[in-house]
Amino acid sequence: MADELTSDSKSRGDHHREILINADHQARIEALAEAAMERNPALAARLIDEISRARIVTPEQFPPTVVDIGSRVTYKNETTGLKRAVVLVFPEDTDLTRQHISVVTPLGVALLDLKKGQEFLWDAHANPRWLLTVTDVEPPEREHGGKGQH
């Protein structure tokens, strides 16, 4: 599965751009990246790279148009024209029947911090490299009085 995500997965010429991470999720994402190091070093390294470049912002400062844990993301395969919507979640909330995908998957890492209109390259197991475009980002539903999506 590690071969699905290449160094070009966020290939908008922005490898050095600053990314955003929700302060409520920072420690959890760091711990998940460290835990993944033994199982999937390439994926863990990619996630750690994302974290190392991140600017940590409060949930109130986090733009609703940027992919965060709990965001519903719609993306289009520019080769096939097919659209797919997924919700980015922590591993224990993964539910493929509901299209809830873990942040600790190649697609989850690729989607983290993207905005509507951004493109990324995706290498699937048996398919050529695909260009995918984020067509919509719906912010996570925040719980009243709480920290939001866990």
N, C-alpha and C. Protein backbone atom coordinates (compact mmCIF):
# COMPACT_ATOMS: atom_id res chain seq x y z
N MET A 1 0.81 -1.19 0.00
CA MET A 1 0.00 0.00 0.00
C MET A 1 0.86 1.26 0.00
N ALA A 2 2.04 1.18 0.52
CA ALA A 2 2.91 2.35 0.59
C ALA A 2 3.25 2.88 -0.80
N ASP A 3 3.20 2.00 -1.81
CA ASP A 3 3.55 2.47 -3.14
C ASP A 3 2.47 3.35 -3.74
N GLU A 4 1.31 3.46 -3.09
CA GLU A 4 0.25 4.30 -3.61
C GLU A 4 0.55 5.78 -3.47
N LEU A 5 1.36 6.13 -2.51
CA LEU A 5 1.64 7.53 -2.26
C LEU A 5 3.08 7.82 -2.62
N THR A 6 3.27 8.70 -3.56
CA THR A 6 4.62 9.04 -3.96
C THR A 6 4.97 10.42 -3.46
N SER A 7 6.20 10.79 -3.63
CA SER A 7 6.61 12.13 -3.22
C SER A 7 5.91 13.20 -4.04
N ASP A 8 5.30 12.79 -5.14
CA ASP A 8 4.58 13.73 -5.99
C ASP A 8 3.10 13.82 -5.64
N SER A 9 2.67 13.17 -4.55
CA SER A 9 1.25 13.10 -4.28
C SER A 9 0.62 14.46 -4.07
N LYS A 10 1.36 15.42 -3.61
CA LYS A 10 0.86 16.80 -3.56
C LYS A 10 1.73 17.59 -4.52
N SER A 11 1.47 17.41 -5.78
CA SER A 11 2.40 17.87 -6.82
C SER A 11 1.99 19.19 -7.42
N ARG A 12 1.75 20.15 -6.61
CA ARG A 12 1.40 21.46 -7.13
C ARG A 12 2.58 22.39 -7.03
N GLY A 13 3.78 21.82 -6.92
CA GLY A 13 4.96 22.66 -6.78
C GLY A 13 5.03 23.30 -5.42
N ASP A 14 4.37 22.67 -4.43
CA ASP A 14 4.26 23.30 -3.14
C ASP A 14 4.86 22.46 -2.03
N HIS A 15 5.85 21.67 -2.33
CA HIS A 15 6.46 20.83 -1.31
C HIS A 15 6.93 21.67 -0.12
N HIS A 16 7.29 22.89 -0.37
CA HIS A 16 7.79 23.74 0.71
C HIS A 16 6.74 24.70 1.24
N ARG A 17 5.51 24.60 0.77
CA ARG A 17 4.48 25.51 1.26
C ARG A 17 4.13 25.17 2.70
N GLU A 18 3.69 26.16 3.40
CA GLU A 18 3.26 25.95 4.78
C GLU A 18 1.90 25.27 4.76
N ILE A 19 1.73 24.26 5.59
CA ILE A 19 0.43 23.62 5.70
C ILE A 19 -0.16 23.94 7.07
N LEU A 20 -1.44 23.67 7.22
CA LEU A 20 -2.13 23.95 8.48
C LEU A 20 -2.52 22.64 9.15
N ILE A 21 -2.38 22.60 10.46
CA ILE A 21 -2.88 21.48 11.24
C ILE A 21 -3.65 22.07 12.42
N ASN A 22 -4.81 21.50 12.65
CA ASN A 22 -5.67 21.89 13.75
C ASN A 22 -4.97 21.54 15.07
N ALA A 23 -4.84 22.51 15.96
CA ALA A 23 -4.14 22.30 17.24
C ALA A 23 -4.77 21.17 18.04
N ASP A 24 -6.08 20.99 17.91
CA ASP A 24 -6.75 19.91 18.63
C ASP A 24 -6.31 18.53 18.14
N HIS A 25 -5.75 18.45 16.94
CA HIS A 25 -5.38 17.16 16.35
C HIS A 25 -3.88 16.93 16.26
N GLN A 26 -3.07 17.94 16.53
CA GLN A 26 -1.63 17.86 16.33
C GLN A 26 -0.99 16.68 17.06
N ALA A 27 -1.18 16.57 18.36
CA ALA A 27 -0.53 15.51 19.14
C ALA A 27 -0.97 14.14 18.67
N ARG A 28 -2.24 14.02 18.36
CA ARG A 28 -2.78 12.73 17.91
C ARG A 28 -2.19 12.32 16.57
N ILE A 29 -2.09 13.25 15.63
CA ILE A 29 -1.52 12.95 14.31
C ILE A 29 -0.04 12.60 14.44
N GLU A 30 0.69 13.32 15.30
CA GLU A 30 2.11 13.01 15.53
C GLU A 30 2.26 11.59 16.09
N ALA A 31 1.43 11.22 17.06
CA ALA A 31 1.50 9.89 17.66
C ALA A 31 1.17 8.81 16.63
N LEU A 32 0.20 9.07 15.76
CA LEU A 32 -0.15 8.10 14.72
C LEU A 32 1.00 7.93 13.73
N ALA A 33 1.65 9.03 13.39
CA ALA A 33 2.79 8.96 12.46
C ALA A 33 3.92 8.13 13.06
N GLU A 34 4.22 8.38 14.33
CA GLU A 34 5.28 7.62 15.00
C GLU A 34 4.93 6.14 15.09
N ALA A 35 3.67 5.83 15.40
CA ALA A 35 3.23 4.44 15.51
C ALA A 35 3.28 3.73 14.15
N ALA A 36 3.07 4.46 13.07
CA ALA A 36 3.08 3.87 11.74
C ALA A 36 4.49 3.62 11.21
N MET A 37 5.50 4.17 11.86
CA MET A 37 6.88 4.08 11.37
C MET A 37 7.32 2.63 11.15
N GLU A 38 6.95 1.73 12.04
CA GLU A 38 7.37 0.34 11.90
C GLU A 38 6.55 -0.39 10.84
N ARG A 39 5.25 -0.16 10.79
CA ARG A 39 4.36 -0.85 9.85
C ARG A 39 4.51 -0.34 8.42
N ASN A 40 4.64 0.96 8.28
CA ASN A 40 4.64 1.56 6.95
C ASN A 40 5.54 2.80 6.97
N PRO A 41 6.87 2.58 6.90
CA PRO A 41 7.80 3.71 7.05
C PRO A 41 7.63 4.81 6.00
N ALA A 42 7.30 4.45 4.77
CA ALA A 42 7.15 5.47 3.73
C ALA A 42 5.96 6.38 4.03
N LEU A 43 4.86 5.79 4.43
CA LEU A 43 3.68 6.57 4.77
C LEU A 43 3.94 7.43 6.01
N ALA A 44 4.55 6.83 7.03
CA ALA A 44 4.86 7.57 8.25
C ALA A 44 5.78 8.75 7.95
N ALA A 45 6.77 8.54 7.11
CA ALA A 45 7.71 9.61 6.76
C ALA A 45 6.98 10.76 6.05
N ARG A 46 6.05 10.42 5.19
CA ARG A 46 5.28 11.45 4.48
C ARG A 46 4.44 12.26 5.46
N LEU A 47 3.80 11.56 6.41
CA LEU A 47 2.98 12.26 7.39
C LEU A 47 3.85 13.13 8.31
N ILE A 48 4.99 12.62 8.71
CA ILE A 48 5.92 13.39 9.54
C ILE A 48 6.41 14.63 8.78
N ASP A 49 6.65 14.49 7.47
CA ASP A 49 7.05 15.63 6.65
C ASP A 49 5.96 16.69 6.65
N GLU A 50 4.71 16.26 6.52
CA GLU A 50 3.59 17.20 6.54
C GLU A 50 3.56 17.94 7.88
N ILE A 51 3.70 17.18 8.97
CA ILE A 51 3.64 17.77 10.32
C ILE A 51 4.79 18.76 10.52
N SER A 52 5.98 18.41 10.04
CA SER A 52 7.16 19.26 10.26
C SER A 52 7.03 20.61 9.57
N ARG A 53 6.24 20.68 8.52
CA ARG A 53 6.06 21.95 7.79
C ARG A 53 4.82 22.70 8.23
N ALA A 54 4.10 22.15 9.19
CA ALA A 54 2.78 22.69 9.53
C ALA A 54 2.85 23.91 10.43
N ARG A 55 1.89 24.75 10.22
CA ARG A 55 1.61 25.84 11.16
C ARG A 55 0.39 25.37 11.94
N ILE A 56 0.52 25.34 13.24
CA ILE A 56 -0.55 24.84 14.10
C ILE A 56 -1.50 26.00 14.40
N VAL A 57 -2.78 25.79 14.15
CA VAL A 57 -3.77 26.84 14.38
C VAL A 57 -4.90 26.30 15.25
N THR A 58 -5.54 27.20 15.97
CA THR A 58 -6.66 26.80 16.81
C THR A 58 -7.83 26.38 15.91
N PRO A 59 -8.76 25.60 16.46
CA PRO A 59 -9.93 25.21 15.66
C PRO A 59 -10.68 26.42 15.12
N GLU A 60 -10.72 27.49 15.88
CA GLU A 60 -11.41 28.71 15.44
C GLU A 60 -10.70 29.37 14.26
N GLN A 61 -9.38 29.24 14.19
CA GLN A 61 -8.59 29.83 13.10
C GLN A 61 -8.53 28.93 11.87
N PHE A 62 -8.89 27.66 12.02
CA PHE A 62 -8.75 26.71 10.93
C PHE A 62 -9.80 27.01 9.85
N PRO A 63 -9.36 27.31 8.63
CA PRO A 63 -10.32 27.66 7.57
C PRO A 63 -11.24 26.49 7.23
N PRO A 64 -12.52 26.73 7.07
CA PRO A 64 -13.46 25.65 6.76
C PRO A 64 -13.26 25.06 5.36
N THR A 65 -12.49 25.74 4.53
CA THR A 65 -12.25 25.26 3.16
C THR A 65 -11.00 24.39 3.05
N VAL A 66 -10.32 24.14 4.17
CA VAL A 66 -9.11 23.32 4.19
C VAL A 66 -9.46 21.97 4.81
N VAL A 67 -8.94 20.89 4.24
CA VAL A 67 -9.24 19.55 4.73
C VAL A 67 -8.63 19.33 6.12
N ASP A 68 -9.47 18.92 7.04
CA ASP A 68 -9.11 18.64 8.42
C ASP A 68 -9.73 17.29 8.78
N ILE A 69 -9.37 16.76 9.93
CA ILE A 69 -10.02 15.55 10.41
C ILE A 69 -11.52 15.87 10.54
N GLY A 70 -12.35 15.04 9.95
CA GLY A 70 -13.79 15.26 9.98
C GLY A 70 -14.33 15.95 8.74
N SER A 71 -13.45 16.48 7.89
CA SER A 71 -13.91 17.13 6.66
C SER A 71 -14.44 16.10 5.67
N ARG A 72 -15.46 16.49 4.95
CA ARG A 72 -15.96 15.70 3.82
C ARG A 72 -15.32 16.30 2.57
N VAL A 73 -14.58 15.47 1.83
CA VAL A 73 -13.82 15.94 0.68
C VAL A 73 -14.33 15.24 -0.57
N THR A 74 -14.65 16.02 -1.58
CA THR A 74 -15.03 15.45 -2.86
C THR A 74 -13.89 15.72 -3.82
N TYR A 75 -13.48 14.68 -4.54
CA TYR A 75 -12.41 14.86 -5.52
C TYR A 75 -12.79 14.17 -6.82
N LYS A 76 -12.19 14.66 -7.89
CA LYS A 76 -12.48 14.15 -9.22
C LYS A 76 -11.23 13.55 -9.83
N ASN A 77 -11.36 12.38 -10.41
CA ASN A 77 -10.28 11.75 -11.16
C ASN A 77 -10.31 12.39 -12.55
N GLU A 78 -9.28 13.16 -12.87
CA GLU A 78 -9.25 13.89 -14.14
C GLU A 78 -9.11 12.95 -15.34
N THR A 79 -8.65 11.71 -15.12
CA THR A 79 -8.51 10.74 -16.20
C THR A 79 -9.85 10.10 -16.53
N THR A 80 -10.56 9.65 -15.48
CA THR A 80 -11.82 8.93 -15.70
C THR A 80 -13.04 9.82 -15.63
N GLY A 81 -12.90 11.00 -15.01
CA GLY A 81 -14.03 11.89 -14.82
C GLY A 81 -14.89 11.54 -13.62
N LEU A 82 -14.56 10.46 -12.93
CA LEU A 82 -15.36 10.03 -11.78
C LEU A 82 -15.07 10.88 -10.56
N LYS A 83 -16.14 11.17 -9.78
CA LYS A 83 -16.01 11.90 -8.53
C LYS A 83 -16.25 10.95 -7.38
N ARG A 84 -15.58 11.22 -6.26
CA ARG A 84 -15.74 10.43 -5.05
C ARG A 84 -15.71 11.37 -3.86
N ALA A 85 -16.55 11.10 -2.87
CA ALA A 85 -16.57 11.89 -1.64
C ALA A 85 -16.18 10.98 -0.48
N VAL A 86 -15.28 11.47 0.37
CA VAL A 86 -14.84 10.73 1.54
C VAL A 86 -14.80 11.68 2.73
N VAL A 87 -14.83 11.10 3.93
CA VAL A 87 -14.66 11.87 5.16
C VAL A 87 -13.34 11.42 5.77
N LEU A 88 -12.47 12.37 6.09
CA LEU A 88 -11.18 12.07 6.69
C LEU A 88 -11.36 11.90 8.20
N VAL A 89 -10.93 10.74 8.73
CA VAL A 89 -11.15 10.43 10.14
C VAL A 89 -9.90 9.84 10.77
N PHE A 90 -9.92 9.72 12.10
CA PHE A 90 -8.88 8.98 12.80
C PHE A 90 -9.11 7.50 12.58
N PRO A 91 -8.06 6.67 12.71
CA PRO A 91 -8.16 5.24 12.37
C PRO A 91 -9.34 4.50 12.99
N GLU A 92 -9.64 4.75 14.26
CA GLU A 92 -10.72 4.00 14.90
C GLU A 92 -12.10 4.35 14.37
N ASP A 93 -12.21 5.45 13.61
CA ASP A 93 -13.48 5.86 13.03
C ASP A 93 -13.62 5.46 11.56
N THR A 94 -12.63 4.72 11.05
CA THR A 94 -12.68 4.28 9.67
C THR A 94 -13.91 3.40 9.45
N ASP A 95 -14.63 3.69 8.39
CA ASP A 95 -15.81 2.91 8.02
C ASP A 95 -15.96 3.04 6.50
N LEU A 96 -15.40 2.08 5.79
CA LEU A 96 -15.38 2.18 4.33
C LEU A 96 -16.78 2.13 3.73
N THR A 97 -17.75 1.53 4.43
CA THR A 97 -19.12 1.51 3.90
C THR A 97 -19.72 2.91 3.89
N ARG A 98 -19.22 3.78 4.77
CA ARG A 98 -19.68 5.17 4.81
C ARG A 98 -18.67 6.12 4.18
N GLN A 99 -17.62 5.57 3.56
CA GLN A 99 -16.56 6.36 2.92
C GLN A 99 -15.79 7.20 3.93
N HIS A 100 -15.62 6.70 5.14
CA HIS A 100 -14.80 7.35 6.17
C HIS A 100 -13.42 6.71 6.11
N ILE A 101 -12.42 7.49 5.66
CA ILE A 101 -11.07 6.94 5.49
C ILE A 101 -10.12 7.54 6.52
N SER A 102 -9.17 6.72 6.92
CA SER A 102 -8.23 7.11 7.96
C SER A 102 -7.19 8.09 7.42
N VAL A 103 -6.79 9.01 8.30
CA VAL A 103 -5.71 9.93 7.98
C VAL A 103 -4.39 9.17 7.84
N VAL A 104 -4.33 7.95 8.38
CA VAL A 104 -3.10 7.16 8.30
C VAL A 104 -3.23 6.14 7.18
N THR A 105 -3.63 6.62 6.01
CA THR A 105 -3.63 5.85 4.77
C THR A 105 -3.00 6.74 3.71
N PRO A 106 -2.53 6.18 2.63
CA PRO A 106 -1.95 7.04 1.58
C PRO A 106 -2.91 8.14 1.10
N LEU A 107 -4.17 7.80 0.90
CA LEU A 107 -5.12 8.82 0.46
C LEU A 107 -5.36 9.84 1.56
N GLY A 108 -5.46 9.38 2.80
CA GLY A 108 -5.68 10.30 3.92
C GLY A 108 -4.56 11.31 4.07
N VAL A 109 -3.33 10.85 3.98
CA VAL A 109 -2.17 11.75 4.06
C VAL A 109 -2.18 12.73 2.89
N ALA A 110 -2.52 12.22 1.71
CA ALA A 110 -2.53 13.09 0.52
C ALA A 110 -3.58 14.19 0.64
N LEU A 111 -4.74 13.87 1.22
CA LEU A 111 -5.82 14.83 1.31
C LEU A 111 -5.65 15.86 2.43
N LEU A 112 -4.92 15.50 3.47
CA LEU A 112 -4.77 16.38 4.62
C LEU A 112 -4.26 17.75 4.19
N ASP A 113 -4.97 18.80 4.55
CA ASP A 113 -4.60 20.20 4.30
C ASP A 113 -4.84 20.69 2.87
N LEU A 114 -5.48 19.90 2.02
CA LEU A 114 -5.78 20.41 0.68
C LEU A 114 -6.98 21.36 0.73
N LYS A 115 -7.11 22.16 -0.33
CA LYS A 115 -8.21 23.10 -0.47
C LYS A 115 -8.93 22.82 -1.78
N LYS A 116 -10.15 23.31 -1.88
CA LYS A 116 -10.91 23.19 -3.11
C LYS A 116 -10.09 23.74 -4.28
N GLY A 117 -10.04 22.97 -5.36
CA GLY A 117 -9.32 23.38 -6.55
C GLY A 117 -7.90 22.84 -6.63
N GLN A 118 -7.36 22.34 -5.52
CA GLN A 118 -5.99 21.82 -5.55
C GLN A 118 -5.97 20.43 -6.16
N GLU A 119 -4.85 20.14 -6.80
CA GLU A 119 -4.65 18.86 -7.47
C GLU A 119 -3.56 18.07 -6.78
N PHE A 120 -3.63 16.74 -6.93
CA PHE A 120 -2.56 15.88 -6.44
C PHE A 120 -2.48 14.65 -7.33
N LEU A 121 -1.28 14.11 -7.43
CA LEU A 121 -1.06 12.90 -8.23
C LEU A 121 -1.22 11.69 -7.33
N TRP A 122 -1.83 10.65 -7.86
CA TRP A 122 -2.13 9.45 -7.09
C TRP A 122 -1.68 8.23 -7.86
N ASP A 123 -0.86 7.40 -7.24
CA ASP A 123 -0.42 6.14 -7.83
C ASP A 123 -1.23 5.02 -7.21
N ALA A 124 -2.10 4.39 -7.98
CA ALA A 124 -2.87 3.25 -7.47
C ALA A 124 -2.13 1.97 -7.81
N HIS A 125 -2.47 0.90 -7.08
CA HIS A 125 -1.77 -0.38 -7.24
C HIS A 125 -1.64 -0.82 -8.69
N ALA A 126 -2.75 -1.01 -9.37
CA ALA A 126 -2.72 -1.59 -10.71
C ALA A 126 -2.97 -0.57 -11.81
N ASN A 127 -3.01 0.68 -11.46
CA ASN A 127 -3.35 1.71 -12.43
C ASN A 127 -2.20 2.69 -12.62
N PRO A 128 -2.23 3.39 -13.74
CA PRO A 128 -1.22 4.44 -13.93
C PRO A 128 -1.47 5.59 -12.96
N ARG A 129 -0.58 6.50 -12.92
CA ARG A 129 -0.72 7.68 -12.08
C ARG A 129 -1.93 8.48 -12.55
N TRP A 130 -2.75 8.89 -11.58
CA TRP A 130 -3.93 9.69 -11.87
C TRP A 130 -3.79 11.08 -11.30
N LEU A 131 -4.32 12.06 -12.00
CA LEU A 131 -4.41 13.42 -11.48
C LEU A 131 -5.78 13.58 -10.86
N LEU A 132 -5.81 13.91 -9.58
CA LEU A 132 -7.06 14.11 -8.86
C LEU A 132 -7.17 15.57 -8.46
N THR A 133 -8.39 16.09 -8.50
CA THR A 133 -8.65 17.48 -8.14
C THR A 133 -9.70 17.52 -7.04
N VAL A 134 -9.42 18.26 -5.98
CA VAL A 134 -10.40 18.46 -4.91
C VAL A 134 -11.45 19.42 -5.46
N THR A 135 -12.71 18.96 -5.49
CA THR A 135 -13.79 19.80 -6.02
C THR A 135 -14.65 20.43 -4.94
N ASP A 136 -14.57 19.88 -3.70
CA ASP A 136 -15.35 20.46 -2.62
C ASP A 136 -14.79 20.01 -1.28
N VAL A 137 -14.85 20.89 -0.31
CA VAL A 137 -14.46 20.57 1.07
C VAL A 137 -15.57 21.09 1.97
N GLU A 138 -16.16 20.17 2.75
CA GLU A 138 -17.15 20.56 3.74
C GLU A 138 -16.48 20.44 5.11
N PRO A 139 -16.54 21.49 5.92
CA PRO A 139 -15.85 21.45 7.21
C PRO A 139 -16.45 20.40 8.13
N PRO A 140 -15.67 19.97 9.11
CA PRO A 140 -16.18 19.02 10.09
C PRO A 140 -17.34 19.64 10.87
N GLU A 141 -18.26 18.79 11.27
CA GLU A 141 -19.32 19.27 12.16
C GLU A 141 -18.72 19.40 13.54
N ARG A 142 -18.85 20.56 14.13
CA ARG A 142 -18.30 20.80 15.47
C ARG A 142 -19.39 20.53 16.50
N GLU A 143 -18.99 19.83 17.57
CA GLU A 143 -19.93 19.58 18.64
C GLU A 143 -20.09 20.87 19.45
N HIS A 144 -21.28 21.11 19.90
CA HIS A 144 -21.54 22.32 20.70
C HIS A 144 -20.84 22.21 22.04
N GLY A 145 -20.00 23.19 22.34
CA GLY A 145 -19.31 23.23 23.61
C GLY A 145 -18.12 22.31 23.72
N GLY A 146 -17.81 21.57 22.66
CA GLY A 146 -16.69 20.63 22.72
C GLY A 146 -15.59 21.07 21.80
N LYS A 147 -14.62 20.20 21.63
CA LYS A 147 -13.49 20.50 20.77
C LYS A 147 -13.77 20.14 19.33
N GLY A 148 -14.91 19.56 19.05
CA GLY A 148 -15.20 19.21 17.66
C GLY A 148 -14.99 17.76 17.42
N GLN A 149 -14.78 17.42 16.16
CA GLN A 149 -14.57 16.04 15.74
C GLN A 149 -13.40 15.45 16.49
N HIS A 150 -13.56 14.26 17.03
CA HIS A 150 -12.42 13.65 17.75
C HIS A 150 -11.61 12.90 16.82
